[in-house]
Amino acid sequence: MTRTTVRVYARDPISEAGVASSLRPRPEVRVVGAAEDVAPEVVLVVADEVDEETLNTLRFLRRNGASRVVLIAAHLDDQALVRAVESGVVGLVRRSEATTDRLLAVVASAAAGDGAVPPDLLGRLLEQVGRLQRTVLDPRGITFAGLAAREVDVLRLVAEGYDTAQIAAKLSYSERTVKNVLHDVTTRLQLRNRSHAVAYAVREGLI
């Protein structure tokens, strides 16, 4: 059996020790400490509230290469749910439901690249996503992939090898407009250049 390496993080050392000790005897996982020179496959963050300190911890972990972070929180309202997802968590567990078996199931899902959210929270998250699309993104012509229709049109032509002047002629834009579209895309999505923007659009299935 392949063991998933797990790191438990909590502000409260008692909570950290409690979760770690519940997982440590199980053969499915190997709990690694902060002092060990081992990159965990999954990080479990234990918190009471999804406050700014917790969000900063989640962002810090993401910036430092922790791509699979699971949040165990005592309180999860709608705003906390959305903010946690925006911070990159792939799994959410209520603290009251955090049995050893439940944590192992969520760790396995995270390690496999899947998400795990309690069913009632998933419904609320989808409702929040729909509201965001209707009230914020749709009026601006932006999709959840982060690109407006004209941005997709420009990137498609970039991918086909056209230069700025040719793209402007094909789309009846000015060259300045084409340059502005590409600048907006690369800046907003933190992409390095045109090639990176094209790669992003291909990866997202937009072109």
Protein backbone atom coordinates (compact mmCIF):
# COMPACT_ATOMS: atom_id res chain seq x y z
CA MET A 1 0.00 0.00 0.00
CA THR A 2 1.27 3.47 -0.93
CA ARG A 3 1.15 5.81 2.04
CA THR A 4 0.15 9.44 1.55
CA THR A 5 2.43 11.87 3.35
CA VAL A 6 0.41 14.34 5.43
CA ARG A 7 1.36 17.43 7.40
CA VAL A 8 -1.01 18.79 10.05
CA TYR A 9 -0.94 22.52 10.77
CA ALA A 10 -2.84 24.40 13.48
CA ARG A 11 -2.36 27.56 15.50
CA ASP A 12 -3.32 25.58 18.57
CA PRO A 13 -0.66 22.92 19.29
CA ILE A 14 -3.19 20.73 21.09
CA SER A 15 -5.44 20.60 18.02
CA GLU A 16 -2.44 19.88 15.81
CA ALA A 17 -1.28 17.06 18.08
CA GLY A 18 -4.80 15.64 18.32
CA VAL A 19 -5.35 15.36 14.57
CA ALA A 20 -1.83 14.07 13.97
CA SER A 21 -2.14 11.41 16.67
CA SER A 22 -5.48 10.20 15.28
CA LEU A 23 -3.93 9.70 11.83
CA ARG A 24 -0.49 8.44 12.77
CA PRO A 25 -1.49 4.79 13.53
CA ARG A 26 -3.26 4.37 10.20
CA PRO A 27 -1.36 2.58 7.43
CA GLU A 28 -2.89 4.73 4.67
CA VAL A 29 -0.94 7.83 5.69
CA ARG A 30 2.42 8.91 7.00
CA VAL A 31 2.25 12.02 9.18
CA VAL A 32 5.34 14.20 8.78
CA GLY A 33 6.36 16.99 11.11
CA ALA A 34 7.61 20.47 10.27
CA ALA A 35 11.15 19.49 11.19
CA GLU A 36 11.25 16.62 8.70
CA ASP A 37 12.75 17.26 5.29
CA VAL A 38 9.78 15.73 3.50
CA ALA A 39 7.35 17.57 1.22
CA PRO A 40 3.85 16.44 2.23
CA GLU A 41 1.41 15.43 -0.47
CA VAL A 42 -1.52 16.81 1.53
CA VAL A 43 -1.59 19.52 4.19
CA LEU A 44 -4.39 19.59 6.76
CA VAL A 45 -5.03 23.02 8.26
CA VAL A 46 -7.07 23.05 11.48
CA ALA A 47 -8.83 26.29 12.43
CA ASP A 48 -11.76 27.59 14.41
CA GLU A 49 -12.68 30.44 12.09
CA VAL A 50 -11.86 31.23 8.49
CA ASP A 51 -10.43 34.57 9.56
CA GLU A 52 -7.67 36.62 7.95
CA GLU A 53 -4.94 34.71 9.78
CA THR A 54 -6.30 31.39 8.52
CA LEU A 55 -6.59 32.75 4.98
CA ASN A 56 -3.02 34.04 5.15
CA THR A 57 -1.89 30.57 6.22
CA LEU A 58 -3.71 28.99 3.27
CA ARG A 59 -2.18 31.49 0.85
CA PHE A 60 1.28 30.98 2.33
CA LEU A 61 1.01 27.22 1.90
CA ARG A 62 -0.09 27.62 -1.72
CA ARG A 63 2.76 30.02 -2.50
CA ASN A 64 5.20 27.52 -1.05
CA GLY A 65 4.11 24.64 -3.22
CA ALA A 66 1.36 22.98 -1.17
CA SER A 67 -1.09 22.29 -4.01
CA ARG A 68 -3.36 20.01 -1.96
CA VAL A 69 -4.60 21.75 1.16
CA VAL A 70 -7.58 20.57 3.22
CA LEU A 71 -9.22 22.91 5.72
CA ILE A 72 -10.79 21.58 8.90
CA ALA A 73 -12.85 24.41 10.39
CA ALA A 74 -15.26 24.71 13.28
CA HIS A 75 -17.42 27.35 11.59
CA LEU A 76 -18.10 27.62 7.86
CA ASP A 77 -20.62 30.23 6.76
CA ASP A 78 -21.18 31.17 3.10
CA GLN A 79 -18.56 33.91 3.05
CA ALA A 80 -15.97 31.72 4.77
CA LEU A 81 -16.70 28.93 2.30
CA VAL A 82 -16.06 31.11 -0.74
CA ARG A 83 -12.96 32.73 0.74
CA ALA A 84 -11.48 29.34 1.61
CA VAL A 85 -12.05 28.07 -1.92
CA GLU A 86 -10.54 31.27 -3.36
CA SER A 87 -7.46 30.60 -1.23
CA GLY A 88 -6.94 27.28 -2.96
CA VAL A 89 -8.22 24.58 -0.63
CA VAL A 90 -9.21 21.32 -2.31
CA GLY A 91 -11.11 19.89 0.64
CA LEU A 92 -13.32 21.17 3.44
CA VAL A 93 -14.29 19.33 6.60
CA ARG A 94 -16.34 20.56 9.52
CA ARG A 95 -14.48 20.05 12.75
CA SER A 96 -17.52 18.32 14.25
CA GLU A 97 -17.39 15.76 11.40
CA ALA A 98 -13.63 15.26 11.41
CA THR A 99 -13.48 11.60 12.41
CA THR A 100 -10.35 9.69 11.52
CA ASP A 101 -12.15 7.80 8.74
CA ARG A 102 -13.58 11.01 7.31
CA LEU A 103 -10.16 12.67 7.30
CA LEU A 104 -8.60 9.65 5.62
CA ALA A 105 -11.28 9.75 2.91
CA VAL A 106 -10.67 13.45 2.28
CA VAL A 107 -6.89 12.97 2.25
CA ALA A 108 -7.27 10.18 -0.30
CA SER A 109 -9.46 12.40 -2.49
CA ALA A 110 -7.01 15.30 -2.26
CA ALA A 111 -4.04 13.06 -3.05
CA ALA A 112 -5.89 11.79 -6.13
CA GLY A 113 -6.46 15.36 -7.30
CA ASP A 114 -10.15 15.41 -6.40
CA GLY A 115 -12.04 17.84 -4.21
CA ALA A 116 -14.09 17.01 -1.14
CA VAL A 117 -16.83 19.24 0.25
CA PRO A 118 -19.76 18.30 2.52
CA PRO A 119 -22.90 17.95 0.34
CA ASP A 120 -24.78 20.85 1.94
CA LEU A 121 -21.76 23.11 1.61
CA LEU A 122 -21.37 22.13 -2.04
CA GLY A 123 -24.91 23.31 -2.74
CA ARG A 124 -24.22 26.63 -1.03
CA LEU A 125 -20.93 27.00 -2.91
CA LEU A 126 -22.63 26.42 -6.26
CA GLU A 127 -25.25 29.01 -5.34
CA GLN A 128 -22.50 31.52 -4.53
CA VAL A 129 -20.72 30.74 -7.79
CA GLY A 130 -23.92 31.26 -9.77
CA ARG A 131 -24.55 34.59 -8.06
CA LEU A 132 -21.01 35.73 -8.80
CA GLN A 133 -21.38 34.80 -12.46
CA ARG A 134 -24.71 36.61 -12.81
CA THR A 135 -23.91 39.78 -10.89
CA VAL A 136 -20.19 40.35 -11.48
CA LEU A 137 -18.81 38.40 -14.42
CA ASP A 138 -21.68 38.36 -16.94
CA PRO A 139 -22.06 42.17 -17.01
CA ARG A 140 -18.36 42.39 -17.89
CA GLY A 141 -18.45 39.63 -20.50
CA ILE A 142 -16.05 37.47 -18.49
CA THR A 143 -16.32 33.75 -17.91
CA PHE A 144 -14.99 31.73 -14.97
CA ALA A 145 -12.04 30.80 -17.14
CA GLY A 146 -11.13 34.48 -16.79
CA LEU A 147 -11.47 35.54 -20.44
CA ALA A 148 -13.98 37.69 -22.28
CA ALA A 149 -15.13 36.70 -25.76
CA ARG A 150 -12.91 39.23 -27.54
CA GLU A 151 -9.92 38.10 -25.49
CA VAL A 152 -10.52 34.54 -26.69
CA ASP A 153 -10.76 35.80 -30.29
CA VAL A 154 -7.43 37.63 -30.01
CA LEU A 155 -5.65 34.69 -28.37
CA ARG A 156 -6.98 32.28 -30.99
CA LEU A 157 -5.38 34.39 -33.73
CA VAL A 158 -2.13 34.73 -31.74
CA ALA A 159 -2.07 30.93 -31.51
CA GLU A 160 -2.47 30.74 -35.29
CA GLY A 161 0.64 32.86 -35.76
CA TYR A 162 -0.84 36.24 -36.66
CA ASP A 163 0.96 39.40 -35.58
CA THR A 164 -0.68 42.44 -33.99
CA ALA A 165 -1.43 44.22 -37.27
CA GLN A 166 -2.96 41.12 -38.83
CA ILE A 167 -5.12 40.45 -35.76
CA ALA A 168 -6.33 44.06 -35.79
CA ALA A 169 -7.29 43.77 -39.46
CA LYS A 170 -9.10 40.47 -39.02
CA LEU A 171 -11.12 41.63 -36.01
CA SER A 172 -11.61 45.25 -37.17
CA TYR A 173 -9.79 46.51 -34.10
CA SER A 174 -7.02 49.07 -33.86
CA GLU A 175 -3.56 47.74 -33.13
CA ARG A 176 -3.69 49.60 -29.82
CA THR A 177 -6.86 47.70 -28.89
CA VAL A 178 -5.21 44.36 -29.65
CA LYS A 179 -2.19 45.31 -27.56
CA ASN A 180 -4.46 46.46 -24.72
CA VAL A 181 -6.43 43.20 -24.82
CA LEU A 182 -3.24 41.15 -24.56
CA HIS A 183 -1.88 43.38 -21.81
CA ASP A 184 -5.12 43.08 -19.83
CA VAL A 185 -5.10 39.29 -20.12
CA THR A 186 -1.48 38.82 -19.10
CA THR A 187 -1.76 41.31 -16.22
CA ARG A 188 -5.08 40.08 -14.82
CA LEU A 189 -4.15 36.39 -14.95
CA GLN A 190 -0.49 36.97 -14.01
CA LEU A 191 0.81 35.44 -17.22
CA ARG A 192 4.33 36.15 -18.45
CA ASN A 193 3.76 36.93 -22.13
CA ARG A 194 1.66 36.15 -25.22
CA SER A 195 2.88 32.58 -25.42
CA HIS A 196 1.98 31.96 -21.79
CA ALA A 197 -1.47 33.47 -22.41
CA VAL A 198 -2.01 31.16 -25.38
CA ALA A 199 -0.90 28.16 -23.30
CA TYR A 200 -3.37 29.16 -20.59
CA ALA A 201 -6.23 29.42 -23.10
CA VAL A 202 -5.36 26.03 -24.57
CA ARG A 203 -5.16 24.44 -21.13
CA GLU A 204 -8.57 25.87 -20.22
CA GLY A 205 -10.06 24.51 -23.45
CA LEU A 206 -10.89 28.00 -24.76
CA ILE A 207 -9.05 27.73 -28.06
